[in-house]
Amino acid sequence: MQIVFEFETQYGKFCDALYFADDAIPDDATIEAMKQERLSNWIAAVTAPSPVSKYQRDENGNLILDANGDPIPTGV
């Protein structure tokens, strides 16, 4: 059995599906908890801060290189 669901959030639409064997369908409360867990995990991924680069980048995200063509570390 496939249960397709979606949520409208401030970050856009989240759409996913849960799959169960016909003889192993959980109760409604468990299904709702599973949906909420998937949504929470997606929001956590969408709102996670970007990893900090150890190299300097320009406004377009390109590495800034020194005179030798090597990337310049941040904080230098």
Protein backbone atom coordinates (compact mmCIF):
# COMPACT_ATOMS: atom_id res chain seq x y z
CA MET A 1 0.00 0.00 0.00
CA GLN A 2 1.23 3.49 -0.87
CA ILE A 3 0.20 6.60 1.09
CA VAL A 4 1.12 9.82 -0.70
CA PHE A 5 1.06 13.00 1.37
CA GLU A 6 2.11 16.62 1.11
CA PHE A 7 2.46 19.65 3.33
CA GLU A 8 2.57 23.33 2.41
CA THR A 9 5.26 25.02 4.50
CA GLN A 10 6.93 28.40 4.60
CA TYR A 11 9.79 26.73 2.69
CA GLY A 12 7.60 25.38 -0.09
CA LYS A 13 5.68 22.18 -0.69
CA PHE A 14 6.92 18.92 0.80
CA CYS A 15 5.62 15.78 -0.88
CA ASP A 16 6.51 12.22 0.05
CA ALA A 17 5.05 8.73 0.30
CA LEU A 18 4.96 5.89 2.79
CA TYR A 19 4.91 2.27 1.62
CA PHE A 20 3.57 -0.70 3.57
CA ALA A 21 2.95 -4.35 2.90
CA ASP A 22 -0.80 -5.00 2.77
CA ASP A 23 -0.59 -7.11 5.91
CA ALA A 24 1.52 -4.58 7.88
CA ILE A 25 -0.37 -1.27 7.72
CA PRO A 26 0.05 0.66 10.99
CA ASP A 27 -2.78 2.48 12.74
CA ASP A 28 -3.68 6.07 11.77
CA ALA A 29 -1.82 7.64 14.71
CA THR A 30 1.40 5.86 13.74
CA ILE A 31 1.00 6.91 10.11
CA GLU A 32 0.49 10.54 11.13
CA ALA A 33 3.58 10.38 13.37
CA MET A 34 5.60 8.97 10.47
CA LYS A 35 4.42 11.80 8.20
CA GLN A 36 5.35 14.41 10.80
CA GLU A 37 8.78 12.84 11.28
CA ARG A 38 9.45 12.97 7.54
CA LEU A 39 8.32 16.61 7.43
CA SER A 40 10.46 17.54 10.44
CA ASN A 41 13.53 15.89 8.91
CA TRP A 42 12.97 17.75 5.63
CA ILE A 43 12.57 21.12 7.38
CA ALA A 44 15.76 20.44 9.37
CA ALA A 45 17.64 19.77 6.12
CA VAL A 46 16.20 22.82 4.36
CA THR A 47 16.97 25.19 7.25
CA ALA A 48 20.40 23.81 8.20
CA PRO A 49 23.12 26.43 7.96
CA SER A 50 25.43 26.16 4.99
CA PRO A 51 28.76 24.58 5.77
CA VAL A 52 31.48 27.16 6.23
CA SER A 53 34.08 26.99 3.52
CA LYS A 54 37.69 26.85 4.61
CA TYR A 55 38.55 28.94 1.53
CA GLN A 56 37.57 32.46 0.55
CA ARG A 57 34.94 32.79 -2.17
CA ASP A 58 33.70 35.70 -4.28
CA GLU A 59 30.07 36.85 -4.49
CA ASN A 60 29.37 34.13 -7.10
CA GLY A 61 30.72 31.33 -4.90
CA ASN A 62 33.96 30.93 -6.89
CA LEU A 63 37.21 30.29 -5.05
CA ILE A 64 39.52 33.28 -4.74
CA LEU A 65 43.02 32.26 -5.78
CA ASP A 66 46.39 33.71 -4.81
CA ALA A 67 49.16 34.60 -7.27
CA ASN A 68 50.20 30.93 -7.46
CA GLY A 69 46.66 29.79 -8.32
CA ASP A 70 46.03 28.26 -4.90
CA PRO A 71 42.80 28.91 -2.97
CA ILE A 72 43.14 31.45 -0.17
CA PRO A 73 42.15 30.06 3.25
CA THR A 74 39.57 32.02 5.24
CA GLY A 75 40.92 34.16 8.05
CA VAL A 76 44.18 34.91 6.20
